[in-house]
Amino acid sequence: MRVLGVDPGLTRCGVGAVEGRPGRASLVDVGVIRTDAGEEISRRLLTLEQGLEEWVGRIQPDVVAVERVFAQHNVMTVIGTAQAAAIALLVAARHDLPVATHTPSEVKAAITGSGRADKAQVGHMVMRILKLDAPPSPADAADAVALAICHSWRGSASDRIEEAKRRLDGAMSARNARSTSRIPAQEQDARARPRTGSRS
């Protein structure tokens, strides 16, 4: 499964793709999309959207994993992060790609075993998991790769469960439809059948 991780940010949006399955992952590509803080917000969001479009078109992921936005002390930072996350969701929807969101603590726990790990620890574990010479830089890029690894390890199992549920639901619906379509014919056969015996 190929996962594109997006660590949303308005000034620097980390992006990283891995090919992985539980216990294993290999790096496809990693980088950041930057926007100019001096530009209008609309232009910055457009730059971000164009950058993510380029990544999705080139990487061809099976799923997009985005960091779930959570409350911080700096409200303006939260707003910018939420706007960047919304652009990532929009681009994924445009390409009909499933989207998963993971909290920072979920990612840290999946990568390091501790939901309280710092950025340096996450970067170091990403380096070890992917057998790199150094952690991806800047930290936004490392966080995006960590997101992708997290989903390829934790999300792939839940994806298979959801797919099995969808298949089961489809099979049950088809079976119910066949049963319903047979009822009128069965009733007609019963009515056409000659009656035997006499009434008392």
N, C-alpha and C. Protein backbone atom coordinates (compact mmCIF):
# COMPACT_ATOMS: atom_id res chain seq x y z
N MET A 1 0.85 -1.18 0.00
CA MET A 1 0.00 0.00 0.00
C MET A 1 0.89 1.24 0.00
N ARG A 2 0.58 2.18 -0.88
CA ARG A 2 1.34 3.43 -0.95
C ARG A 2 0.55 4.52 -0.25
N VAL A 3 1.18 5.14 0.75
CA VAL A 3 0.52 6.15 1.56
C VAL A 3 1.24 7.48 1.40
N LEU A 4 0.48 8.53 1.15
CA LEU A 4 1.02 9.88 1.13
C LEU A 4 0.66 10.55 2.44
N GLY A 5 1.67 10.89 3.23
CA GLY A 5 1.44 11.57 4.50
C GLY A 5 1.55 13.08 4.31
N VAL A 6 0.65 13.79 4.97
CA VAL A 6 0.66 15.26 4.88
C VAL A 6 0.66 15.83 6.29
N ASP A 7 1.73 16.56 6.61
CA ASP A 7 1.81 17.28 7.88
C ASP A 7 1.42 18.72 7.58
N PRO A 8 0.15 19.09 7.80
CA PRO A 8 -0.34 20.38 7.29
C PRO A 8 0.29 21.58 7.98
N GLY A 9 0.61 22.55 7.18
CA GLY A 9 1.15 23.80 7.67
C GLY A 9 1.07 24.82 6.56
N LEU A 10 0.87 26.05 6.90
CA LEU A 10 0.68 27.07 5.87
C LEU A 10 2.01 27.56 5.31
N THR A 11 3.00 27.72 6.16
CA THR A 11 4.32 28.17 5.70
C THR A 11 5.12 27.00 5.14
N ARG A 12 5.12 25.88 5.87
CA ARG A 12 5.78 24.65 5.42
C ARG A 12 4.81 23.50 5.62
N CYS A 13 4.46 22.85 4.54
CA CYS A 13 3.58 21.67 4.59
C CYS A 13 4.43 20.45 4.26
N GLY A 14 4.62 19.60 5.25
CA GLY A 14 5.43 18.41 5.02
C GLY A 14 4.67 17.37 4.22
N VAL A 15 5.36 16.73 3.29
CA VAL A 15 4.76 15.65 2.49
C VAL A 15 5.76 14.51 2.40
N GLY A 16 5.27 13.30 2.57
CA GLY A 16 6.14 12.15 2.48
C GLY A 16 5.35 10.91 2.11
N ALA A 17 5.90 10.12 1.23
CA ALA A 17 5.21 8.91 0.77
C ALA A 17 6.04 7.68 1.06
N VAL A 18 5.37 6.63 1.52
CA VAL A 18 6.03 5.35 1.76
C VAL A 18 5.22 4.23 1.13
N GLU A 19 5.92 3.19 0.81
CA GLU A 19 5.30 1.93 0.38
C GLU A 19 5.44 1.02 1.58
N GLY A 20 4.33 0.56 2.14
CA GLY A 20 4.49 -0.21 3.36
C GLY A 20 3.37 -1.15 3.68
N ARG A 21 3.64 -1.94 4.68
CA ARG A 21 2.68 -2.85 5.30
C ARG A 21 3.13 -3.01 6.73
N PRO A 22 2.28 -3.57 7.60
CA PRO A 22 2.66 -3.67 9.01
C PRO A 22 4.05 -4.27 9.22
N GLY A 23 4.91 -3.51 9.88
CA GLY A 23 6.26 -3.98 10.18
C GLY A 23 7.30 -3.61 9.15
N ARG A 24 6.87 -3.16 7.97
CA ARG A 24 7.84 -2.81 6.93
C ARG A 24 7.40 -1.56 6.20
N ALA A 25 8.39 -0.79 5.77
CA ALA A 25 8.10 0.42 5.01
C ALA A 25 9.35 0.84 4.25
N SER A 26 9.14 1.38 3.06
CA SER A 26 10.26 1.91 2.28
C SER A 26 9.86 3.29 1.77
N LEU A 27 10.83 4.18 1.73
CA LEU A 27 10.57 5.56 1.34
C LEU A 27 10.38 5.67 -0.16
N VAL A 28 9.33 6.40 -0.55
CA VAL A 28 9.09 6.71 -1.96
C VAL A 28 9.62 8.11 -2.27
N ASP A 29 9.21 9.09 -1.48
CA ASP A 29 9.70 10.46 -1.65
C ASP A 29 9.31 11.29 -0.43
N VAL A 30 10.03 12.36 -0.21
CA VAL A 30 9.75 13.22 0.94
C VAL A 30 10.17 14.65 0.60
N GLY A 31 9.45 15.63 1.16
CA GLY A 31 9.79 17.02 0.91
C GLY A 31 8.83 17.94 1.65
N VAL A 32 8.88 19.22 1.30
CA VAL A 32 7.97 20.20 1.88
C VAL A 32 7.45 21.10 0.76
N ILE A 33 6.23 21.58 0.97
CA ILE A 33 5.66 22.60 0.09
C ILE A 33 5.68 23.90 0.88
N ARG A 34 6.34 24.91 0.34
CA ARG A 34 6.49 26.18 1.05
C ARG A 34 5.62 27.26 0.43
N THR A 35 5.11 28.14 1.26
CA THR A 35 4.39 29.31 0.77
C THR A 35 5.02 30.56 1.38
N ASP A 36 4.88 31.65 0.67
CA ASP A 36 5.46 32.92 1.09
C ASP A 36 4.56 33.60 2.12
N ALA A 37 5.10 33.83 3.32
CA ALA A 37 4.31 34.44 4.39
C ALA A 37 3.87 35.86 4.04
N GLY A 38 4.51 36.49 3.05
CA GLY A 38 4.15 37.84 2.67
C GLY A 38 2.99 37.92 1.70
N GLU A 39 2.58 36.79 1.16
CA GLU A 39 1.48 36.78 0.19
C GLU A 39 0.13 36.72 0.89
N GLU A 40 -0.91 37.06 0.14
CA GLU A 40 -2.27 36.94 0.66
C GLU A 40 -2.58 35.48 0.93
N ILE A 41 -3.46 35.23 1.90
CA ILE A 41 -3.80 33.87 2.29
C ILE A 41 -4.37 33.08 1.13
N SER A 42 -5.14 33.73 0.27
CA SER A 42 -5.73 33.02 -0.86
C SER A 42 -4.66 32.51 -1.82
N ARG A 43 -3.62 33.32 -2.05
CA ARG A 43 -2.53 32.90 -2.92
C ARG A 43 -1.72 31.77 -2.29
N ARG A 44 -1.54 31.85 -0.97
CA ARG A 44 -0.79 30.81 -0.28
C ARG A 44 -1.51 29.47 -0.33
N LEU A 45 -2.82 29.50 -0.16
CA LEU A 45 -3.61 28.27 -0.23
C LEU A 45 -3.60 27.70 -1.64
N LEU A 46 -3.59 28.58 -2.63
CA LEU A 46 -3.52 28.12 -4.03
C LEU A 46 -2.18 27.44 -4.29
N THR A 47 -1.10 28.03 -3.78
CA THR A 47 0.23 27.43 -3.93
C THR A 47 0.26 26.05 -3.29
N LEU A 48 -0.33 25.94 -2.12
CA LEU A 48 -0.37 24.67 -1.41
C LEU A 48 -1.18 23.64 -2.19
N GLU A 49 -2.31 24.06 -2.71
CA GLU A 49 -3.17 23.15 -3.49
C GLU A 49 -2.44 22.66 -4.73
N GLN A 50 -1.75 23.55 -5.43
CA GLN A 50 -1.01 23.16 -6.63
C GLN A 50 0.12 22.19 -6.29
N GLY A 51 0.78 22.45 -5.17
CA GLY A 51 1.86 21.55 -4.75
C GLY A 51 1.36 20.16 -4.41
N LEU A 52 0.25 20.08 -3.69
CA LEU A 52 -0.31 18.78 -3.33
C LEU A 52 -0.84 18.04 -4.56
N GLU A 53 -1.40 18.78 -5.51
CA GLU A 53 -1.84 18.17 -6.76
C GLU A 53 -0.67 17.52 -7.48
N GLU A 54 0.45 18.22 -7.49
CA GLU A 54 1.65 17.68 -8.15
C GLU A 54 2.12 16.41 -7.46
N TRP A 55 2.10 16.41 -6.13
CA TRP A 55 2.53 15.23 -5.38
C TRP A 55 1.60 14.04 -5.63
N VAL A 56 0.30 14.28 -5.56
CA VAL A 56 -0.65 13.18 -5.77
C VAL A 56 -0.53 12.63 -7.18
N GLY A 57 -0.41 13.52 -8.17
CA GLY A 57 -0.29 13.07 -9.55
C GLY A 57 0.97 12.27 -9.80
N ARG A 58 2.05 12.65 -9.16
CA ARG A 58 3.33 11.97 -9.37
C ARG A 58 3.46 10.70 -8.54
N ILE A 59 3.01 10.73 -7.29
CA ILE A 59 3.18 9.59 -6.39
C ILE A 59 2.13 8.52 -6.62
N GLN A 60 0.92 8.92 -7.01
CA GLN A 60 -0.20 7.98 -7.20
C GLN A 60 -0.44 7.14 -5.94
N PRO A 61 -0.76 7.79 -4.82
CA PRO A 61 -0.96 7.03 -3.58
C PRO A 61 -2.28 6.26 -3.57
N ASP A 62 -2.35 5.26 -2.71
CA ASP A 62 -3.60 4.52 -2.50
C ASP A 62 -4.47 5.20 -1.45
N VAL A 63 -3.83 5.95 -0.56
CA VAL A 63 -4.54 6.62 0.53
C VAL A 63 -3.72 7.84 0.96
N VAL A 64 -4.40 8.83 1.49
CA VAL A 64 -3.73 10.03 2.01
C VAL A 64 -3.95 10.07 3.51
N ALA A 65 -2.87 10.23 4.26
CA ALA A 65 -2.94 10.33 5.72
C ALA A 65 -2.60 11.76 6.12
N VAL A 66 -3.49 12.40 6.86
CA VAL A 66 -3.33 13.80 7.25
C VAL A 66 -3.32 13.89 8.76
N GLU A 67 -2.43 14.73 9.30
CA GLU A 67 -2.42 14.92 10.74
C GLU A 67 -3.69 15.62 11.19
N ARG A 68 -4.34 15.08 12.20
CA ARG A 68 -5.57 15.67 12.73
C ARG A 68 -5.23 16.95 13.49
N VAL A 69 -5.92 18.01 13.13
CA VAL A 69 -5.66 19.31 13.76
C VAL A 69 -6.21 19.30 15.17
N PHE A 70 -5.43 19.80 16.11
CA PHE A 70 -5.88 19.87 17.50
C PHE A 70 -5.58 21.25 18.04
N ALA A 71 -6.24 21.62 19.14
CA ALA A 71 -6.12 22.96 19.71
C ALA A 71 -4.73 23.20 20.26
N GLN A 72 -4.21 24.38 19.98
CA GLN A 72 -2.93 24.81 20.52
C GLN A 72 -3.12 26.18 21.17
N HIS A 73 -2.09 26.67 21.79
CA HIS A 73 -2.20 27.98 22.44
C HIS A 73 -2.30 29.10 21.41
N ASN A 74 -1.57 28.98 20.30
CA ASN A 74 -1.56 30.00 19.28
C ASN A 74 -2.73 29.78 18.31
N VAL A 75 -3.77 30.59 18.44
CA VAL A 75 -4.97 30.40 17.63
C VAL A 75 -4.68 30.58 16.15
N MET A 76 -3.84 31.56 15.80
CA MET A 76 -3.53 31.81 14.40
C MET A 76 -2.81 30.61 13.77
N THR A 77 -1.97 29.94 14.55
CA THR A 77 -1.30 28.74 14.05
C THR A 77 -2.31 27.64 13.76
N VAL A 78 -3.28 27.48 14.66
CA VAL A 78 -4.32 26.47 14.48
C VAL A 78 -5.13 26.74 13.21
N ILE A 79 -5.46 28.02 12.99
CA ILE A 79 -6.25 28.38 11.81
C ILE A 79 -5.48 28.04 10.54
N GLY A 80 -4.21 28.42 10.49
CA GLY A 80 -3.41 28.11 9.31
C GLY A 80 -3.26 26.63 9.08
N THR A 81 -3.04 25.87 10.16
CA THR A 81 -2.92 24.42 10.05
C THR A 81 -4.22 23.79 9.56
N ALA A 82 -5.35 24.27 10.08
CA ALA A 82 -6.65 23.74 9.66
C ALA A 82 -6.91 24.05 8.19
N GLN A 83 -6.53 25.23 7.75
CA GLN A 83 -6.72 25.58 6.34
C GLN A 83 -5.88 24.68 5.44
N ALA A 84 -4.64 24.44 5.85
CA ALA A 84 -3.77 23.56 5.07
C ALA A 84 -4.30 22.13 5.05
N ALA A 85 -4.82 21.67 6.19
CA ALA A 85 -5.40 20.32 6.24
C ALA A 85 -6.61 20.22 5.33
N ALA A 86 -7.42 21.27 5.28
CA ALA A 86 -8.61 21.26 4.42
C ALA A 86 -8.21 21.16 2.95
N ILE A 87 -7.12 21.82 2.56
CA ILE A 87 -6.64 21.73 1.18
C ILE A 87 -6.22 20.30 0.86
N ALA A 88 -5.55 19.65 1.81
CA ALA A 88 -5.13 18.26 1.61
C ALA A 88 -6.34 17.35 1.43
N LEU A 89 -7.39 17.56 2.24
CA LEU A 89 -8.61 16.76 2.13
C LEU A 89 -9.29 17.01 0.80
N LEU A 90 -9.29 18.26 0.36
CA LEU A 90 -9.91 18.61 -0.92
C LEU A 90 -9.21 17.92 -2.09
N VAL A 91 -7.88 17.97 -2.09
CA VAL A 91 -7.12 17.35 -3.18
C VAL A 91 -7.36 15.84 -3.21
N ALA A 92 -7.37 15.22 -2.03
CA ALA A 92 -7.62 13.78 -1.96
C ALA A 92 -9.01 13.44 -2.50
N ALA A 93 -10.01 14.23 -2.12
CA ALA A 93 -11.38 13.99 -2.59
C ALA A 93 -11.48 14.16 -4.10
N ARG A 94 -10.76 15.13 -4.64
CA ARG A 94 -10.78 15.36 -6.08
C ARG A 94 -10.28 14.15 -6.84
N HIS A 95 -9.33 13.43 -6.23
CA HIS A 95 -8.77 12.23 -6.87
C HIS A 95 -9.44 10.95 -6.38
N ASP A 96 -10.54 11.10 -5.63
CA ASP A 96 -11.30 9.97 -5.13
C ASP A 96 -10.43 9.03 -4.29
N LEU A 97 -9.56 9.63 -3.48
CA LEU A 97 -8.67 8.84 -2.62
C LEU A 97 -9.22 8.80 -1.20
N PRO A 98 -9.16 7.66 -0.55
CA PRO A 98 -9.57 7.60 0.86
C PRO A 98 -8.61 8.43 1.71
N VAL A 99 -9.14 9.01 2.77
CA VAL A 99 -8.34 9.86 3.66
C VAL A 99 -8.41 9.31 5.08
N ALA A 100 -7.28 9.29 5.75
CA ALA A 100 -7.22 8.90 7.15
C ALA A 100 -6.59 10.06 7.93
N THR A 101 -7.06 10.27 9.14
CA THR A 101 -6.46 11.29 9.99
C THR A 101 -5.93 10.63 11.26
N HIS A 102 -4.78 11.08 11.69
CA HIS A 102 -4.15 10.54 12.90
C HIS A 102 -3.67 11.69 13.76
N THR A 103 -3.85 11.56 15.06
CA THR A 103 -3.36 12.59 15.97
C THR A 103 -1.85 12.47 16.11
N PRO A 104 -1.18 13.54 16.51
CA PRO A 104 0.27 13.45 16.73
C PRO A 104 0.66 12.35 17.71
N SER A 105 -0.12 12.17 18.78
CA SER A 105 0.23 11.14 19.76
C SER A 105 0.08 9.74 19.17
N GLU A 106 -0.90 9.53 18.29
CA GLU A 106 -1.05 8.24 17.63
C GLU A 106 0.16 7.94 16.76
N VAL A 107 0.62 8.96 16.04
CA VAL A 107 1.78 8.79 15.17
C VAL A 107 3.02 8.49 15.99
N LYS A 108 3.23 9.26 17.04
CA LYS A 108 4.40 9.05 17.89
C LYS A 108 4.40 7.67 18.50
N ALA A 109 3.23 7.22 18.97
CA ALA A 109 3.14 5.89 19.57
C ALA A 109 3.44 4.80 18.55
N ALA A 110 2.95 4.97 17.33
CA ALA A 110 3.18 3.96 16.29
C ALA A 110 4.65 3.90 15.88
N ILE A 111 5.32 5.05 15.87
CA ILE A 111 6.69 5.10 15.38
C ILE A 111 7.70 4.79 16.48
N THR A 112 7.48 5.36 17.67
CA THR A 112 8.49 5.24 18.73
C THR A 112 8.06 4.36 19.89
N GLY A 113 6.76 4.08 19.99
CA GLY A 113 6.27 3.32 21.13
C GLY A 113 5.80 4.20 22.27
N SER A 114 6.00 5.52 22.11
CA SER A 114 5.57 6.47 23.15
C SER A 114 4.84 7.63 22.50
N GLY A 115 3.64 7.91 23.02
CA GLY A 115 2.87 9.03 22.49
C GLY A 115 3.40 10.38 22.90
N ARG A 116 4.44 10.40 23.75
CA ARG A 116 5.03 11.65 24.21
C ARG A 116 6.41 11.91 23.63
N ALA A 117 6.79 11.17 22.62
CA ALA A 117 8.11 11.35 22.01
C ALA A 117 8.24 12.74 21.40
N ASP A 118 9.47 13.28 21.40
CA ASP A 118 9.67 14.59 20.79
C ASP A 118 10.03 14.43 19.30
N LYS A 119 10.15 15.57 18.61
CA LYS A 119 10.39 15.53 17.17
C LYS A 119 11.71 14.85 16.83
N ALA A 120 12.72 15.04 17.66
CA ALA A 120 14.01 14.41 17.40
C ALA A 120 13.90 12.89 17.46
N GLN A 121 13.15 12.39 18.45
CA GLN A 121 12.97 10.95 18.57
C GLN A 121 12.19 10.38 17.39
N VAL A 122 11.16 11.11 16.95
CA VAL A 122 10.38 10.67 15.79
C VAL A 122 11.27 10.62 14.56
N GLY A 123 12.04 11.70 14.33
CA GLY A 123 12.93 11.73 13.18
C GLY A 123 13.95 10.61 13.20
N HIS A 124 14.49 10.31 14.38
CA HIS A 124 15.49 9.24 14.51
C HIS A 124 14.86 7.88 14.18
N MET A 125 13.64 7.63 14.66
CA MET A 125 12.99 6.35 14.40
C MET A 125 12.58 6.23 12.93
N VAL A 126 12.16 7.34 12.33
CA VAL A 126 11.86 7.31 10.89
C VAL A 126 13.11 6.91 10.11
N MET A 127 14.26 7.48 10.50
CA MET A 127 15.53 7.15 9.86
C MET A 127 15.85 5.66 10.00
N ARG A 128 15.65 5.12 11.20
CA ARG A 128 15.96 3.71 11.43
C ARG A 128 14.99 2.79 10.68
N ILE A 129 13.70 3.13 10.72
CA ILE A 129 12.70 2.28 10.06
C ILE A 129 12.95 2.21 8.56
N LEU A 130 13.27 3.36 7.97
CA LEU A 130 13.45 3.43 6.52
C LEU A 130 14.90 3.18 6.09
N LYS A 131 15.78 2.95 7.07
CA LYS A 131 17.19 2.68 6.79
C LYS A 131 17.84 3.83 6.00
N LEU A 132 17.63 5.03 6.50
CA LEU A 132 18.19 6.22 5.88
C LEU A 132 19.49 6.61 6.58
N ASP A 133 20.30 7.42 5.90
CA ASP A 133 21.54 7.89 6.51
C ASP A 133 21.30 9.00 7.52
N ALA A 134 20.18 9.72 7.36
CA ALA A 134 19.85 10.82 8.27
C ALA A 134 18.34 11.01 8.27
N PRO A 135 17.79 11.60 9.33
CA PRO A 135 16.34 11.85 9.35
C PRO A 135 15.95 12.82 8.24
N PRO A 136 14.76 12.67 7.67
CA PRO A 136 14.29 13.64 6.70
C PRO A 136 14.28 15.04 7.32
N SER A 137 14.62 16.04 6.51
CA SER A 137 14.69 17.40 7.01
C SER A 137 13.95 18.33 6.04
N PRO A 138 13.24 19.36 6.57
CA PRO A 138 13.10 19.74 7.98
C PRO A 138 12.16 18.79 8.73
N ALA A 139 11.87 19.15 9.99
CA ALA A 139 11.05 18.29 10.85
C ALA A 139 9.66 18.05 10.26
N ASP A 140 9.13 19.03 9.50
CA ASP A 140 7.81 18.85 8.89
C ASP A 140 7.82 17.67 7.92
N ALA A 141 8.92 17.51 7.21
CA ALA A 141 9.04 16.39 6.26
C ALA A 141 9.09 15.06 7.01
N ALA A 142 9.87 15.04 8.11
CA ALA A 142 9.96 13.82 8.92
C ALA A 142 8.59 13.46 9.50
N ASP A 143 7.85 14.47 9.95
CA ASP A 143 6.51 14.22 10.51
C ASP A 143 5.57 13.65 9.45
N ALA A 144 5.69 14.14 8.21
CA ALA A 144 4.83 13.63 7.14
C ALA A 144 5.13 12.17 6.84
N VAL A 145 6.41 11.82 6.82
CA VAL A 145 6.79 10.42 6.59
C VAL A 145 6.32 9.56 7.75
N ALA A 146 6.43 10.08 8.97
CA ALA A 146 5.95 9.34 10.14
C ALA A 146 4.45 9.07 10.04
N LEU A 147 3.70 10.05 9.56
CA LEU A 147 2.26 9.87 9.34
C LEU A 147 2.01 8.73 8.36
N ALA A 148 2.76 8.74 7.26
CA ALA A 148 2.58 7.71 6.24
C ALA A 148 2.91 6.33 6.79
N ILE A 149 3.99 6.24 7.56
CA ILE A 149 4.36 4.95 8.16
C ILE A 149 3.28 4.51 9.14
N CYS A 150 2.83 5.44 9.97
CA CYS A 150 1.79 5.13 10.96
C CYS A 150 0.57 4.53 10.28
N HIS A 151 0.12 5.14 9.19
CA HIS A 151 -1.08 4.61 8.55
C HIS A 151 -0.81 3.28 7.85
N SER A 152 0.34 3.14 7.25
CA SER A 152 0.63 1.88 6.56
C SER A 152 0.71 0.73 7.54
N TRP A 153 1.09 1.02 8.80
CA TRP A 153 1.17 -0.03 9.82
C TRP A 153 -0.14 -0.23 10.55
N ARG A 154 -0.77 0.87 10.95
CA ARG A 154 -1.99 0.77 11.75
C ARG A 154 -3.25 0.79 10.89
N GLY A 155 -3.22 1.56 9.84
CA GLY A 155 -4.42 1.74 9.04
C GLY A 155 -4.70 0.62 8.08
N SER A 156 -3.66 -0.08 7.62
CA SER A 156 -3.89 -1.12 6.63
C SER A 156 -4.79 -2.22 7.17
N ALA A 157 -4.63 -2.57 8.44
CA ALA A 157 -5.48 -3.60 9.04
C ALA A 157 -6.93 -3.13 9.10
N SER A 158 -7.13 -1.89 9.55
CA SER A 158 -8.51 -1.38 9.62
C SER A 158 -9.10 -1.21 8.23
N ASP A 159 -8.25 -0.86 7.24
CA ASP A 159 -8.74 -0.75 5.86
C ASP A 159 -9.26 -2.11 5.37
N ARG A 160 -8.52 -3.17 5.70
CA ARG A 160 -8.95 -4.51 5.27
C ARG A 160 -10.25 -4.90 5.95
N ILE A 161 -10.39 -4.53 7.23
CA ILE A 161 -11.64 -4.83 7.95
C ILE A 161 -12.81 -4.10 7.31
N GLU A 162 -12.59 -2.80 7.00
CA GLU A 162 -13.65 -2.02 6.37
C GLU A 162 -14.01 -2.58 5.01
N GLU A 163 -13.01 -3.01 4.24
CA GLU A 163 -13.27 -3.58 2.93
C GLU A 163 -14.06 -4.88 3.07
N ALA A 164 -13.72 -5.71 4.06
CA ALA A 164 -14.45 -6.95 4.29
C ALA A 164 -15.90 -6.66 4.68
N LYS A 165 -16.10 -5.62 5.50
CA LYS A 165 -17.46 -5.23 5.89
C LYS A 165 -18.26 -4.79 4.67
N ARG A 166 -17.62 -3.98 3.80
CA ARG A 166 -18.32 -3.52 2.60
C ARG A 166 -18.72 -4.69 1.72
N ARG A 167 -17.81 -5.66 1.58
CA ARG A 167 -18.12 -6.82 0.75
C ARG A 167 -19.26 -7.64 1.35
N LEU A 168 -19.22 -7.81 2.68
CA LEU A 168 -20.27 -8.55 3.36
C LEU A 168 -21.61 -7.85 3.21
N ASP A 169 -21.62 -6.53 3.40
CA ASP A 169 -22.85 -5.75 3.24
C ASP A 169 -23.39 -5.88 1.83
N GLY A 170 -22.48 -5.84 0.85
CA GLY A 170 -22.91 -5.98 -0.55
C GLY A 170 -23.50 -7.34 -0.83
N ALA A 171 -22.87 -8.38 -0.27
CA ALA A 171 -23.37 -9.74 -0.47
C ALA A 171 -24.73 -9.92 0.19
N MET A 172 -24.91 -9.37 1.40
CA MET A 172 -26.18 -9.46 2.09
C MET A 172 -27.28 -8.72 1.35
N SER A 173 -26.95 -7.54 0.82
CA SER A 173 -27.93 -6.77 0.05
C SER A 173 -28.36 -7.51 -1.19
N ALA A 174 -27.38 -8.11 -1.88
CA ALA A 174 -27.71 -8.87 -3.09
C ALA A 174 -28.58 -10.08 -2.76
N ARG A 175 -28.26 -10.74 -1.64
CA ARG A 175 -29.06 -11.91 -1.24
C ARG A 175 -30.49 -11.51 -0.88
N ASN A 176 -30.62 -10.40 -0.15
CA ASN A 176 -31.97 -9.92 0.19
C ASN A 176 -32.76 -9.53 -1.04
N ALA A 177 -32.07 -8.94 -2.01
CA ALA A 177 -32.75 -8.55 -3.24
C ALA A 177 -33.25 -9.77 -3.99
N ARG A 178 -32.43 -10.84 -4.02
CA ARG A 178 -32.85 -12.07 -4.71
C ARG A 178 -34.03 -12.71 -3.99
N SER A 179 -33.99 -12.70 -2.66
CA SER A 179 -35.09 -13.29 -1.88
C SER A 179 -36.38 -12.53 -2.12
N THR A 180 -36.31 -11.23 -2.15
CA THR A 180 -37.50 -10.41 -2.37
C THR A 180 -38.08 -10.64 -3.76
N SER A 181 -37.21 -10.79 -4.74
CA SER A 181 -37.69 -10.98 -6.11
C SER A 181 -38.36 -12.33 -6.31
N ARG A 182 -38.03 -13.32 -5.42
CA ARG A 182 -38.63 -14.65 -5.57
C ARG A 182 -39.99 -14.76 -4.90
N ILE A 183 -40.32 -13.88 -3.99
CA ILE A 183 -41.56 -14.01 -3.24
C ILE A 183 -42.80 -14.01 -4.12
N PRO A 184 -42.94 -13.07 -5.05
CA PRO A 184 -44.16 -13.09 -5.89
C PRO A 184 -44.33 -14.39 -6.67
N ALA A 185 -43.23 -14.94 -7.20
CA ALA A 185 -43.33 -16.19 -7.97
C ALA A 185 -43.75 -17.34 -7.06
N GLN A 186 -43.24 -17.38 -5.85
CA GLN A 186 -43.62 -18.44 -4.93
C GLN A 186 -45.09 -18.35 -4.57
N GLU A 187 -45.57 -17.12 -4.36
CA GLU A 187 -46.98 -16.94 -4.05
C GLU A 187 -47.86 -17.37 -5.22
N GLN A 188 -47.41 -17.05 -6.44
CA GLN A 188 -48.18 -17.45 -7.61
C GLN A 188 -48.23 -18.97 -7.74
N ASP A 189 -47.11 -19.63 -7.46
CA ASP A 189 -47.08 -21.10 -7.52
C ASP A 189 -48.04 -21.69 -6.51
N ALA A 190 -48.10 -21.12 -5.31
CA ALA A 190 -48.98 -21.64 -4.26
C ALA A 190 -50.44 -21.47 -4.66
N ARG A 191 -50.76 -20.35 -5.29
CA ARG A 191 -52.13 -20.10 -5.69
C ARG A 191 -52.56 -20.99 -6.85
N ALA A 192 -51.60 -21.28 -7.72
CA ALA A 192 -51.93 -22.10 -8.89
C ALA A 192 -52.04 -23.57 -8.55
N ARG A 193 -51.45 -23.98 -7.42
CA ARG A 193 -51.44 -25.37 -7.03
C ARG A 193 -52.87 -25.84 -6.71
N PRO A 194 -53.37 -26.98 -7.27
CA PRO A 194 -54.73 -27.45 -6.98
C PRO A 194 -54.89 -27.83 -5.52
N ARG A 195 -56.05 -27.50 -4.95
CA ARG A 195 -56.32 -27.83 -3.56
C ARG A 195 -56.88 -29.25 -3.45
N THR A 196 -56.49 -29.94 -2.41
CA THR A 196 -56.97 -31.31 -2.20
C THR A 196 -57.69 -31.38 -0.87
N GLY A 197 -58.54 -32.42 -0.72
CA GLY A 197 -59.28 -32.62 0.54
C GLY A 197 -60.57 -31.82 0.56
N SER A 198 -61.37 -32.07 1.56
CA SER A 198 -62.67 -31.37 1.68
C SER A 198 -62.71 -30.66 3.00
N ARG A 199 -63.54 -29.60 3.00
CA ARG A 199 -63.71 -28.84 4.22
C ARG A 199 -64.72 -29.54 5.11
N SER A 200 -64.53 -29.50 6.42
CA SER A 200 -65.46 -30.12 7.36
C SER A 200 -66.47 -29.10 7.83
